[in-house]
């Protein structure tokens, strides 16, 4: 049973539709809704073309049936984008480079329409290359469906950029590190091989930083090049610190007694140093102590660091005995 039927409904076919039925449905709908027709609808034409693009590709269709449209587009979160071995095993979206795949555009829709014969489509239909990996490489048109644009100019499309999240500990962002990541990718002949990419993370880099490796992903026949792989840093939660730009924030728990009578504690900084923290007088819940230069490295200013800000969480009692209330009223 398929996960969803939206793309089949757009083309007006059943989930069991054959290749010839998909072609016929696309031909009828594309000719009706093409923007140059009186009955044209630009968005509808794009939807029809994307549906056909996915369902006419056996690999994409299987992913769509099992996981839904976002997976078929390559936007589903990967369980482990670097897992899996040769022969197409491992990660279910490996053939499309994992999450963050190519976003289907109006230009793609016109390219498919042109590749399929344009307004000259007839009942003879149009032929496909075997398997159609990532496009329409057959039919006697070199370079895949990217070989023709709406205006008829010949150009080769740019390879897709595949975005992958890369989780990094706060300590790794503080010190810098090198991450070695094994990528399972498709070769021009359809087989798979593994390559190890080294991601050099500089001290002070922030979440959202992008590291790009061109021509290192799956081979795309229509582009005659490999995809670009782009890692996006994601900061893993830390048990003690919260990052705020170049600064670090820490919350120290205090008992009600400590908040009134003072305390002596020791705090460990992000680089492992220990600093004393002492108070002899009552402390307000809103109090914050700042320590310049104990935060994160500033990438654009080597040798400089942000600040460490320490605030307090006071554990107020949920209940007071009559005697305790009397003492408080007497002395405060």
C-alpha atoms as a PDB file:
ATOM      1  CA  UNK A   1       0.000   0.000   0.000  1.00  0.00           C
ATOM      2  CA  UNK A   2       1.337   3.423  -0.967  1.00  0.00           C
ATOM      3  CA  UNK A   3       1.893   6.060   1.733  1.00  0.00           C
ATOM      4  CA  UNK A   4      -0.029   8.739  -0.161  1.00  0.00           C
ATOM      5  CA  UNK A   5      -1.747   9.118  -3.559  1.00  0.00           C
ATOM      6  CA  UNK A   6      -1.450  12.869  -4.207  1.00  0.00           C
ATOM      7  CA  UNK A   7       0.837  12.561  -7.253  1.00  0.00           C
ATOM      8  CA  UNK A   8      -1.306   9.803  -8.780  1.00  0.00           C
ATOM      9  CA  UNK A   9      -4.397  11.975  -8.225  1.00  0.00           C
ATOM     10  CA  UNK A  10      -2.728  14.946  -9.967  1.00  0.00           C
ATOM     11  CA  UNK A  11      -2.217  12.813 -13.073  1.00  0.00           C
ATOM     12  CA  UNK A  12      -5.577  11.104 -12.676  1.00  0.00           C
ATOM     13  CA  UNK A  13      -4.205   7.566 -12.555  1.00  0.00           C
ATOM     14  CA  UNK A  14      -4.286   4.723 -10.051  1.00  0.00           C
ATOM     15  CA  UNK A  15      -1.237   3.822  -7.910  1.00  0.00           C
ATOM     16  CA  UNK A  16      -0.937   0.678 -10.025  1.00  0.00           C
ATOM     17  CA  UNK A  17      -0.632   2.670 -13.279  1.00  0.00           C
ATOM     18  CA  UNK A  18       1.802   1.347 -15.868  1.00  0.00           C
ATOM     19  CA  UNK A  19       4.479   3.391 -17.629  1.00  0.00           C
ATOM     20  CA  UNK A  20       2.311   3.785 -20.728  1.00  0.00           C
ATOM     21  CA  UNK A  21      -0.629   4.967 -18.608  1.00  0.00           C
ATOM     22  CA  UNK A  22       1.591   7.557 -16.913  1.00  0.00           C
ATOM     23  CA  UNK A  23       2.789   8.832 -20.308  1.00  0.00           C
ATOM     24  CA  UNK A  24      -0.742   9.107 -21.640  1.00  0.00           C
ATOM     25  CA  UNK A  25      -1.980  10.918 -18.526  1.00  0.00           C
ATOM     26  CA  UNK A  26       0.942  13.362 -18.579  1.00  0.00           C
ATOM     27  CA  UNK A  27       0.478  14.046 -22.311  1.00  0.00           C
ATOM     28  CA  UNK A  28      -3.210  14.874 -21.856  1.00  0.00           C
ATOM     29  CA  UNK A  29      -2.765  17.045 -18.761  1.00  0.00           C
ATOM     30  CA  UNK A  30       0.392  18.851 -19.951  1.00  0.00           C
ATOM     31  CA  UNK A  31      -1.195  19.868 -23.258  1.00  0.00           C
ATOM     32  CA  UNK A  32      -4.274  21.169 -21.424  1.00  0.00           C
ATOM     33  CA  UNK A  33      -2.542  23.177 -18.693  1.00  0.00           C
ATOM     34  CA  UNK A  34       0.557  24.427 -20.533  1.00  0.00           C
ATOM     35  CA  UNK A  35       0.865  28.203 -19.807  1.00  0.00           C
ATOM     36  CA  UNK A  36       0.783  29.003 -23.531  1.00  0.00           C
ATOM     37  CA  UNK A  37      -2.652  27.396 -23.909  1.00  0.00           C
ATOM     38  CA  UNK A  38      -5.953  29.285 -23.338  1.00  0.00           C
ATOM     39  CA  UNK A  39      -6.699  26.707 -20.626  1.00  0.00           C
ATOM     40  CA  UNK A  40      -3.201  27.085 -19.201  1.00  0.00           C
ATOM     41  CA  UNK A  41      -2.384  27.172 -15.499  1.00  0.00           C
ATOM     42  CA  UNK A  42       1.266  27.737 -14.581  1.00  0.00           C
ATOM     43  CA  UNK A  43       1.149  26.148 -11.117  1.00  0.00           C
ATOM     44  CA  UNK A  44      -0.976  23.231 -12.294  1.00  0.00           C
ATOM     45  CA  UNK A  45       1.458  22.626 -15.157  1.00  0.00           C
ATOM     46  CA  UNK A  46       4.343  22.566 -12.692  1.00  0.00           C
ATOM     47  CA  UNK A  47       2.507  20.116 -10.400  1.00  0.00           C
ATOM     48  CA  UNK A  48       1.719  17.800 -13.307  1.00  0.00           C
ATOM     49  CA  UNK A  49       5.328  17.834 -14.499  1.00  0.00           C
ATOM     50  CA  UNK A  50       6.744  17.154 -11.038  1.00  0.00           C
ATOM     51  CA  UNK A  51       4.296  14.285 -10.517  1.00  0.00           C
ATOM     52  CA  UNK A  52       5.351  12.763 -13.825  1.00  0.00           C
ATOM     53  CA  UNK A  53       9.035  13.353 -13.067  1.00  0.00           C
ATOM     54  CA  UNK A  54       8.752  11.320  -9.846  1.00  0.00           C
ATOM     55  CA  UNK A  55       6.339   8.581 -10.926  1.00  0.00           C
ATOM     56  CA  UNK A  56       8.054   7.859 -14.262  1.00  0.00           C
ATOM     57  CA  UNK A  57      11.338   7.179 -12.442  1.00  0.00           C
ATOM     58  CA  UNK A  58      11.196   3.708 -10.892  1.00  0.00           C
ATOM     59  CA  UNK A  59      13.568   4.599  -8.026  1.00  0.00           C
ATOM     60  CA  UNK A  60      11.814   7.856  -7.122  1.00  0.00           C
ATOM     61  CA  UNK A  61       8.416   6.207  -7.453  1.00  0.00           C
ATOM     62  CA  UNK A  62       9.383   3.486  -4.986  1.00  0.00           C
ATOM     63  CA  UNK A  63      10.608   6.075  -2.474  1.00  0.00           C
ATOM     64  CA  UNK A  64       7.397   8.092  -2.961  1.00  0.00           C
ATOM     65  CA  UNK A  65       5.212   5.005  -2.443  1.00  0.00           C
ATOM     66  CA  UNK A  66       7.104   4.044   0.724  1.00  0.00           C
ATOM     67  CA  UNK A  67       7.864   7.410   2.320  1.00  0.00           C
ATOM     68  CA  UNK A  68       5.872  10.175   0.634  1.00  0.00           C
ATOM     69  CA  UNK A  69       6.520  13.228  -1.531  1.00  0.00           C
ATOM     70  CA  UNK A  70       9.134  14.957   0.646  1.00  0.00           C
ATOM     71  CA  UNK A  71      11.265  11.832   0.610  1.00  0.00           C
ATOM     72  CA  UNK A  72      10.973  11.578  -3.165  1.00  0.00           C
ATOM     73  CA  UNK A  73      12.043  15.213  -3.442  1.00  0.00           C
ATOM     74  CA  UNK A  74      15.068  14.434  -1.307  1.00  0.00           C
ATOM     75  CA  UNK A  75      13.939  16.625   1.608  1.00  0.00           C
ATOM     76  CA  UNK A  76      13.304  13.922   4.222  1.00  0.00           C
ATOM     77  CA  UNK A  77      15.670  13.799   7.230  1.00  0.00           C
ATOM     78  CA  UNK A  78      18.248  11.067   6.851  1.00  0.00           C
ATOM     79  CA  UNK A  79      18.517   8.397   9.536  1.00  0.00           C
ATOM     80  CA  UNK A  80      22.236   8.243   8.781  1.00  0.00           C
ATOM     81  CA  UNK A  81      23.361   9.903   5.527  1.00  0.00           C
ATOM     82  CA  UNK A  82      26.744   8.198   5.655  1.00  0.00           C
ATOM     83  CA  UNK A  83      25.596   4.646   6.387  1.00  0.00           C
ATOM     84  CA  UNK A  84      25.326   1.794   3.975  1.00  0.00           C
ATOM     85  CA  UNK A  85      27.669  -0.047   1.656  1.00  0.00           C
ATOM     86  CA  UNK A  86      27.858  -0.754  -2.028  1.00  0.00           C
ATOM     87  CA  UNK A  87      25.176  -2.124  -4.261  1.00  0.00           C
ATOM     88  CA  UNK A  88      22.570   0.510  -3.381  1.00  0.00           C
ATOM     89  CA  UNK A  89      21.935  -0.769   0.163  1.00  0.00           C
ATOM     90  CA  UNK A  90      21.872   1.209   3.366  1.00  0.00           C
ATOM     91  CA  UNK A  91      20.132   4.525   3.488  1.00  0.00           C
ATOM     92  CA  UNK A  92      16.773   4.544   1.615  1.00  0.00           C
ATOM     93  CA  UNK A  93      17.421   7.895  -0.113  1.00  0.00           C
ATOM     94  CA  UNK A  94      21.065   7.188  -0.967  1.00  0.00           C
ATOM     95  CA  UNK A  95      20.403   7.266  -4.698  1.00  0.00           C
ATOM     96  CA  UNK A  96      19.249  10.869  -4.509  1.00  0.00           C
ATOM     97  CA  UNK A  97      21.921  12.214  -2.204  1.00  0.00           C
ATOM     98  CA  UNK A  98      19.839  12.331   1.004  1.00  0.00           C
ATOM     99  CA  UNK A  99      17.921  15.304   2.394  1.00  0.00           C
ATOM    100  CA  UNK A 100      17.839  18.730   0.874  1.00  0.00           C
ATOM    101  CA  UNK A 101      17.477  17.540  -2.749  1.00  0.00           C
ATOM    102  CA  UNK A 102      16.835  19.606  -5.926  1.00  0.00           C
ATOM    103  CA  UNK A 103      13.793  21.889  -5.713  1.00  0.00           C
ATOM    104  CA  UNK A 104      11.544  21.330  -8.736  1.00  0.00           C
ATOM    105  CA  UNK A 105      11.138  24.559 -10.717  1.00  0.00           C
ATOM    106  CA  UNK A 106       9.047  25.911 -13.594  1.00  0.00           C
ATOM    107  CA  UNK A 107      12.130  25.612 -15.779  1.00  0.00           C
ATOM    108  CA  UNK A 108      12.258  21.887 -14.966  1.00  0.00           C
ATOM    109  CA  UNK A 109       8.608  21.612 -16.014  1.00  0.00           C
ATOM    110  CA  UNK A 110       9.287  23.256 -19.399  1.00  0.00           C
ATOM    111  CA  UNK A 111      12.375  21.077 -19.876  1.00  0.00           C
ATOM    112  CA  UNK A 112      10.363  17.895 -19.362  1.00  0.00           C
ATOM    113  CA  UNK A 113       7.647  19.147 -21.718  1.00  0.00           C
ATOM    114  CA  UNK A 114      10.219  19.908 -24.414  1.00  0.00           C
ATOM    115  CA  UNK A 115      12.004  16.598 -23.881  1.00  0.00           C
ATOM    116  CA  UNK A 116       8.744  14.703 -24.275  1.00  0.00           C
ATOM    117  CA  UNK A 117       8.049  16.305 -27.656  1.00  0.00           C
ATOM    118  CA  UNK A 118       6.431  19.619 -26.720  1.00  0.00           C
ATOM    119  CA  UNK A 119       3.268  20.464 -28.610  1.00  0.00           C
ATOM    120  CA  UNK A 120       4.234  17.799 -31.135  1.00  0.00           C
ATOM    121  CA  UNK A 121       3.311  14.964 -28.734  1.00  0.00           C
ATOM    122  CA  UNK A 122       1.262  12.248 -30.380  1.00  0.00           C
ATOM    123  CA  UNK A 123      -0.114   8.848 -29.523  1.00  0.00           C
ATOM    124  CA  UNK A 124       3.238   7.330 -30.407  1.00  0.00           C
ATOM    125  CA  UNK A 125       4.474   8.774 -27.136  1.00  0.00           C
ATOM    126  CA  UNK A 126       8.134   9.157 -26.307  1.00  0.00           C
ATOM    127  CA  UNK A 127      10.876   6.755 -25.305  1.00  0.00           C
ATOM    128  CA  UNK A 128      12.913   6.683 -22.130  1.00  0.00           C
ATOM    129  CA  UNK A 129      16.390   5.440 -21.315  1.00  0.00           C
ATOM    130  CA  UNK A 130      16.542   2.427 -19.004  1.00  0.00           C
ATOM    131  CA  UNK A 131      15.845   3.294 -15.388  1.00  0.00           C
ATOM    132  CA  UNK A 132      15.869   7.075 -15.959  1.00  0.00           C
ATOM    133  CA  UNK A 133      18.198   7.853 -13.022  1.00  0.00           C
ATOM    134  CA  UNK A 134      17.450  11.431 -11.948  1.00  0.00           C
ATOM    135  CA  UNK A 135      16.042  12.544 -15.308  1.00  0.00           C
ATOM    136  CA  UNK A 136      15.358  11.559 -18.912  1.00  0.00           C
ATOM    137  CA  UNK A 137      18.698  10.542 -20.294  1.00  0.00           C
ATOM    138  CA  UNK A 138      17.316   8.403 -23.132  1.00  0.00           C
ATOM    139  CA  UNK A 139      15.267   9.129 -26.212  1.00  0.00           C
ATOM    140  CA  UNK A 140      18.302  10.044 -28.319  1.00  0.00           C
ATOM    141  CA  UNK A 141      18.880  13.412 -26.649  1.00  0.00           C
ATOM    142  CA  UNK A 142      22.366  13.670 -25.132  1.00  0.00           C
ATOM    143  CA  UNK A 143      22.713  15.424 -21.791  1.00  0.00           C
ATOM    144  CA  UNK A 144      19.307  14.430 -20.374  1.00  0.00           C
ATOM    145  CA  UNK A 145      16.218  16.608 -20.220  1.00  0.00           C
ATOM    146  CA  UNK A 146      18.388  19.592 -19.302  1.00  0.00           C
ATOM    147  CA  UNK A 147      19.506  19.747 -22.925  1.00  0.00           C
ATOM    148  CA  UNK A 148      16.508  21.855 -23.966  1.00  0.00           C
ATOM    149  CA  UNK A 149      14.934  24.886 -22.354  1.00  0.00           C
ATOM    150  CA  UNK A 150      11.674  26.691 -23.015  1.00  0.00           C
ATOM    151  CA  UNK A 151      13.346  28.983 -25.499  1.00  0.00           C
ATOM    152  CA  UNK A 152      15.067  26.097 -27.299  1.00  0.00           C
ATOM    153  CA  UNK A 153      18.577  27.126 -26.232  1.00  0.00           C
ATOM    154  CA  UNK A 154      20.883  24.227 -25.462  1.00  0.00           C
ATOM    155  CA  UNK A 155      22.481  24.260 -22.026  1.00  0.00           C
ATOM    156  CA  UNK A 156      23.588  21.745 -19.459  1.00  0.00           C
ATOM    157  CA  UNK A 157      21.936  22.045 -16.040  1.00  0.00           C
ATOM    158  CA  UNK A 158      23.996  22.585 -12.927  1.00  0.00           C
ATOM    159  CA  UNK A 159      24.378  19.582 -10.611  1.00  0.00           C
ATOM    160  CA  UNK A 160      22.110  19.512  -7.575  1.00  0.00           C
ATOM    161  CA  UNK A 161      23.383  20.664  -4.198  1.00  0.00           C
ATOM    162  CA  UNK A 162      22.611  18.061  -1.535  1.00  0.00           C
ATOM    163  CA  UNK A 163      22.413  19.461   1.996  1.00  0.00           C
ATOM    164  CA  UNK A 164      23.216  17.263   4.976  1.00  0.00           C
ATOM    165  CA  UNK A 165      23.100  18.174   8.689  1.00  0.00           C
ATOM    166  CA  UNK A 166      26.318  17.655  10.653  1.00  0.00           C
ATOM    167  CA  UNK A 167      25.939  17.492  14.423  1.00  0.00           C
ATOM    168  CA  UNK A 168      28.877  18.995  16.351  1.00  0.00           C
ATOM    169  CA  UNK A 169      29.524  19.213  20.097  1.00  0.00           C
ATOM    170  CA  UNK A 170      30.013  22.634  21.670  1.00  0.00           C
ATOM    171  CA  UNK A 171      33.524  21.648  22.727  1.00  0.00           C
ATOM    172  CA  UNK A 172      34.333  20.842  19.086  1.00  0.00           C
ATOM    173  CA  UNK A 173      33.114  24.275  18.020  1.00  0.00           C
ATOM    174  CA  UNK A 174      35.240  25.795  20.786  1.00  0.00           C
ATOM    175  CA  UNK A 175      38.484  23.944  20.006  1.00  0.00           C
ATOM    176  CA  UNK A 176      37.995  23.222  16.320  1.00  0.00           C
ATOM    177  CA  UNK A 177      38.293  19.720  14.920  1.00  0.00           C
ATOM    178  CA  UNK A 178      38.404  17.588  11.781  1.00  0.00           C
ATOM    179  CA  UNK A 179      35.403  15.375  11.024  1.00  0.00           C
ATOM    180  CA  UNK A 180      35.965  12.440   8.664  1.00  0.00           C
ATOM    181  CA  UNK A 181      32.712  11.456   6.975  1.00  0.00           C
ATOM    182  CA  UNK A 182      32.181   8.450   4.720  1.00  0.00           C
ATOM    183  CA  UNK A 183      29.898   9.220   1.774  1.00  0.00           C
ATOM    184  CA  UNK A 184      28.218   6.492  -0.278  1.00  0.00           C
ATOM    185  CA  UNK A 185      27.731   7.825  -3.816  1.00  0.00           C
ATOM    186  CA  UNK A 186      26.665   6.694  -7.289  1.00  0.00           C
ATOM    187  CA  UNK A 187      29.195   6.420 -10.135  1.00  0.00           C
ATOM    188  CA  UNK A 188      28.545   7.180 -13.841  1.00  0.00           C
ATOM    189  CA  UNK A 189      28.040   3.456 -14.497  1.00  0.00           C
ATOM    190  CA  UNK A 190      25.396   3.179 -11.785  1.00  0.00           C
ATOM    191  CA  UNK A 191      27.511   1.349  -9.228  1.00  0.00           C
ATOM    192  CA  UNK A 192      28.325   2.773  -5.816  1.00  0.00           C
ATOM    193  CA  UNK A 193      31.591   3.589  -4.107  1.00  0.00           C
ATOM    194  CA  UNK A 194      32.572   5.167  -0.820  1.00  0.00           C
ATOM    195  CA  UNK A 195      34.714   8.227  -0.278  1.00  0.00           C
ATOM    196  CA  UNK A 196      35.849   9.850   2.957  1.00  0.00           C
ATOM    197  CA  UNK A 197      35.469  13.626   3.142  1.00  0.00           C
ATOM    198  CA  UNK A 198      37.332  15.663   5.751  1.00  0.00           C
ATOM    199  CA  UNK A 199      35.416  18.594   7.236  1.00  0.00           C
ATOM    200  CA  UNK A 200      37.820  21.034   8.880  1.00  0.00           C
ATOM    201  CA  UNK A 201      35.859  22.890  11.571  1.00  0.00           C
ATOM    202  CA  UNK A 202      37.492  26.105  12.759  1.00  0.00           C
ATOM    203  CA  UNK A 203      37.297  27.311  16.388  1.00  0.00           C
ATOM    204  CA  UNK A 204      34.313  29.577  16.924  1.00  0.00           C
ATOM    205  CA  UNK A 205      32.204  28.440  13.981  1.00  0.00           C
ATOM    206  CA  UNK A 206      28.464  28.720  14.643  1.00  0.00           C
ATOM    207  CA  UNK A 207      25.472  26.512  13.957  1.00  0.00           C
ATOM    208  CA  UNK A 208      24.293  27.066  10.386  1.00  0.00           C
ATOM    209  CA  UNK A 209      27.822  27.333   8.956  1.00  0.00           C
ATOM    210  CA  UNK A 210      27.947  25.610   5.549  1.00  0.00           C
ATOM    211  CA  UNK A 211      30.887  23.572   4.250  1.00  0.00           C
ATOM    212  CA  UNK A 212      30.676  22.728   0.544  1.00  0.00           C
ATOM    213  CA  UNK A 213      32.307  19.913  -1.447  1.00  0.00           C
ATOM    214  CA  UNK A 214      31.759  20.273  -5.186  1.00  0.00           C
ATOM    215  CA  UNK A 215      31.593  17.232  -7.476  1.00  0.00           C
ATOM    216  CA  UNK A 216      31.592  14.733  -4.583  1.00  0.00           C
ATOM    217  CA  UNK A 217      28.009  13.396  -4.533  1.00  0.00           C
ATOM    218  CA  UNK A 218      25.985  11.129  -6.841  1.00  0.00           C
ATOM    219  CA  UNK A 219      26.815  11.331 -10.542  1.00  0.00           C
ATOM    220  CA  UNK A 220      24.012  13.052 -12.522  1.00  0.00           C
ATOM    221  CA  UNK A 221      23.981  11.959 -16.171  1.00  0.00           C
ATOM    222  CA  UNK A 222      21.982  14.992 -17.326  1.00  0.00           C
ATOM    223  CA  UNK A 223      24.686  17.271 -15.902  1.00  0.00           C
ATOM    224  CA  UNK A 224      27.658  15.046 -16.733  1.00  0.00           C
ATOM    225  CA  UNK A 225      28.969  15.853 -13.267  1.00  0.00           C
ATOM    226  CA  UNK A 226      28.567  14.867  -9.654  1.00  0.00           C
ATOM    227  CA  UNK A 227      26.295  16.573  -7.152  1.00  0.00           C
ATOM    228  CA  UNK A 228      27.638  19.152  -4.715  1.00  0.00           C
ATOM    229  CA  UNK A 229      27.565  18.010  -1.079  1.00  0.00           C
ATOM    230  CA  UNK A 230      26.952  20.716   1.503  1.00  0.00           C
ATOM    231  CA  UNK A 231      27.199  20.057   5.231  1.00  0.00           C
ATOM    232  CA  UNK A 232      25.333  22.406   7.592  1.00  0.00           C
ATOM    233  CA  UNK A 233      26.616  22.523  11.167  1.00  0.00           C
ATOM    234  CA  UNK A 234      24.114  21.743  13.911  1.00  0.00           C
ATOM    235  CA  UNK A 235      25.141  22.406  17.509  1.00  0.00           C
ATOM    236  CA  UNK A 236      24.385  19.559  19.900  1.00  0.00           C
ATOM    237  CA  UNK A 237      22.892  20.541  23.285  1.00  0.00           C
ATOM    238  CA  UNK A 238      25.418  20.909  26.113  1.00  0.00           C
ATOM    239  CA  UNK A 239      24.659  19.847  29.667  1.00  0.00           C
ATOM    240  CA  UNK A 240      26.069  23.052  31.211  1.00  0.00           C
ATOM    241  CA  UNK A 241      26.317  25.828  28.607  1.00  0.00           C
ATOM    242  CA  UNK A 242      24.021  27.623  26.189  1.00  0.00           C
ATOM    243  CA  UNK A 243      25.662  29.539  23.366  1.00  0.00           C
ATOM    244  CA  UNK A 244      24.512  33.087  22.578  1.00  0.00           C
ATOM    245  CA  UNK A 245      26.563  34.378  19.661  1.00  0.00           C
ATOM    246  CA  UNK A 246      30.142  34.476  20.936  1.00  0.00           C
ATOM    247  CA  UNK A 247      29.041  34.360  24.586  1.00  0.00           C
ATOM    248  CA  UNK A 248      28.253  31.403  26.795  1.00  0.00           C
ATOM    249  CA  UNK A 249      25.526  31.248  29.417  1.00  0.00           C
ATOM    250  CA  UNK A 250      25.438  29.016  32.473  1.00  0.00           C
ATOM    251  CA  UNK A 251      22.736  28.578  35.122  1.00  0.00           C
ATOM    252  CA  UNK A 252      23.811  27.629  38.679  1.00  0.00           C
ATOM    253  CA  UNK A 253      21.171  26.013  40.910  1.00  0.00           C
ATOM    254  CA  UNK A 254      20.964  27.362  44.482  1.00  0.00           C
ATOM    255  CA  UNK A 255      19.003  26.248  47.488  1.00  0.00           C
ATOM    256  CA  UNK A 256      16.808  28.788  49.246  1.00  0.00           C
ATOM    257  CA  UNK A 257      19.286  28.792  52.110  1.00  0.00           C
ATOM    258  CA  UNK A 258      22.237  29.444  49.783  1.00  0.00           C
ATOM    259  CA  UNK A 259      20.415  32.339  48.143  1.00  0.00           C
ATOM    260  CA  UNK A 260      20.017  33.984  51.578  1.00  0.00           C
ATOM    261  CA  UNK A 261      23.177  33.012  53.438  1.00  0.00           C
ATOM    262  CA  UNK A 262      25.713  32.766  50.630  1.00  0.00           C
ATOM    263  CA  UNK A 263      27.662  29.879  49.127  1.00  0.00           C
ATOM    264  CA  UNK A 264      31.050  28.647  47.922  1.00  0.00           C
ATOM    265  CA  UNK A 265      31.085  26.767  44.626  1.00  0.00           C
ATOM    266  CA  UNK A 266      33.455  25.917  41.796  1.00  0.00           C
ATOM    267  CA  UNK A 267      32.595  26.282  38.127  1.00  0.00           C
ATOM    268  CA  UNK A 268      34.276  24.443  35.238  1.00  0.00           C
ATOM    269  CA  UNK A 269      34.619  26.525  32.069  1.00  0.00           C
ATOM    270  CA  UNK A 270      34.231  25.247  28.500  1.00  0.00           C
ATOM    271  CA  UNK A 271      38.024  24.767  28.220  1.00  0.00           C
ATOM    272  CA  UNK A 272      38.224  22.781  31.471  1.00  0.00           C
ATOM    273  CA  UNK A 273      39.481  25.508  33.809  1.00  0.00           C
ATOM    274  CA  UNK A 274      38.014  25.754  37.296  1.00  0.00           C
ATOM    275  CA  UNK A 275      37.029  29.126  38.738  1.00  0.00           C
ATOM    276  CA  UNK A 276      35.763  29.789  42.291  1.00  0.00           C
ATOM    277  CA  UNK A 277      32.301  31.241  42.756  1.00  0.00           C
ATOM    278  CA  UNK A 278      31.595  32.678  46.210  1.00  0.00           C
ATOM    279  CA  UNK A 279      28.911  34.835  47.818  1.00  0.00           C
ATOM    280  CA  UNK A 280      28.438  35.907  51.465  1.00  0.00           C
ATOM    281  CA  UNK A 281      25.272  37.969  51.111  1.00  0.00           C
ATOM    282  CA  UNK A 282      21.775  37.285  49.723  1.00  0.00           C
ATOM    283  CA  UNK A 283      21.517  37.017  45.964  1.00  0.00           C
ATOM    284  CA  UNK A 284      18.648  38.196  43.784  1.00  0.00           C
ATOM    285  CA  UNK A 285      17.012  35.741  41.317  1.00  0.00           C
ATOM    286  CA  UNK A 286      17.820  38.158  38.505  1.00  0.00           C
ATOM    287  CA  UNK A 287      21.519  38.418  39.373  1.00  0.00           C
ATOM    288  CA  UNK A 288      24.043  37.708  36.605  1.00  0.00           C
ATOM    289  CA  UNK A 289      27.830  37.510  36.975  1.00  0.00           C
ATOM    290  CA  UNK A 290      29.869  38.098  33.812  1.00  0.00           C
ATOM    291  CA  UNK A 291      33.408  36.876  33.151  1.00  0.00           C
ATOM    292  CA  UNK A 292      35.051  38.531  30.111  1.00  0.00           C
ATOM    293  CA  UNK A 293      37.081  36.325  27.812  1.00  0.00           C
ATOM    294  CA  UNK A 294      35.657  32.986  29.006  1.00  0.00           C
ATOM    295  CA  UNK A 295      33.215  32.503  26.148  1.00  0.00           C
ATOM    296  CA  UNK A 296      33.619  31.149  22.591  1.00  0.00           C
ATOM    297  CA  UNK A 297      36.507  32.016  20.242  1.00  0.00           C
ATOM    298  CA  UNK A 298      35.682  34.789  17.769  1.00  0.00           C
ATOM    299  CA  UNK A 299      36.499  33.412  14.322  1.00  0.00           C
ATOM    300  CA  UNK A 300      37.060  36.800  12.686  1.00  0.00           C
ATOM    301  CA  UNK A 301      39.213  38.046  15.596  1.00  0.00           C
ATOM    302  CA  UNK A 302      41.848  35.398  16.381  1.00  0.00           C
ATOM    303  CA  UNK A 303      42.894  35.377  20.016  1.00  0.00           C
ATOM    304  CA  UNK A 304      39.682  37.007  21.231  1.00  0.00           C
ATOM    305  CA  UNK A 305      36.782  35.303  22.972  1.00  0.00           C
ATOM    306  CA  UNK A 306      33.295  36.191  24.094  1.00  0.00           C
ATOM    307  CA  UNK A 307      32.132  36.334  27.700  1.00  0.00           C
ATOM    308  CA  UNK A 308      30.722  33.841  30.186  1.00  0.00           C
ATOM    309  CA  UNK A 309      27.489  34.896  31.913  1.00  0.00           C
ATOM    310  CA  UNK A 310      26.381  33.026  35.040  1.00  0.00           C
ATOM    311  CA  UNK A 311      22.828  33.339  36.345  1.00  0.00           C
ATOM    312  CA  UNK A 312      21.105  31.552  39.217  1.00  0.00           C
ATOM    313  CA  UNK A 313      18.064  29.353  39.658  1.00  0.00           C
ATOM    314  CA  UNK A 314      16.826  29.446  43.237  1.00  0.00           C
ATOM    315  CA  UNK A 315      14.918  26.480  44.613  1.00  0.00           C
ATOM    316  CA  UNK A 316      12.204  28.189  46.625  1.00  0.00           C
ATOM    317  CA  UNK A 317      10.356  26.024  49.165  1.00  0.00           C
ATOM    318  CA  UNK A 318       6.897  24.856  48.191  1.00  0.00           C
ATOM    319  CA  UNK A 319       5.713  24.856  51.802  1.00  0.00           C
ATOM    320  CA  UNK A 320       6.565  26.663  55.069  1.00  0.00           C
ATOM    321  CA  UNK A 321       5.642  25.524  58.571  1.00  0.00           C
ATOM    322  CA  UNK A 322       4.017  28.026  60.919  1.00  0.00           C
ATOM    323  CA  UNK A 323       7.279  28.232  62.841  1.00  0.00           C
ATOM    324  CA  UNK A 324       9.245  29.036  59.682  1.00  0.00           C
ATOM    325  CA  UNK A 325       6.739  31.713  58.707  1.00  0.00           C
ATOM    326  CA  UNK A 326       7.013  33.245  62.178  1.00  0.00           C
ATOM    327  CA  UNK A 327      10.806  33.397  61.941  1.00  0.00           C
ATOM    328  CA  UNK A 328      10.671  35.058  58.529  1.00  0.00           C
ATOM    329  CA  UNK A 329       8.121  37.607  59.700  1.00  0.00           C
ATOM    330  CA  UNK A 330      10.216  38.289  62.772  1.00  0.00           C
ATOM    331  CA  UNK A 331      13.551  38.862  61.017  1.00  0.00           C
ATOM    332  CA  UNK A 332      12.562  40.224  57.618  1.00  0.00           C
END
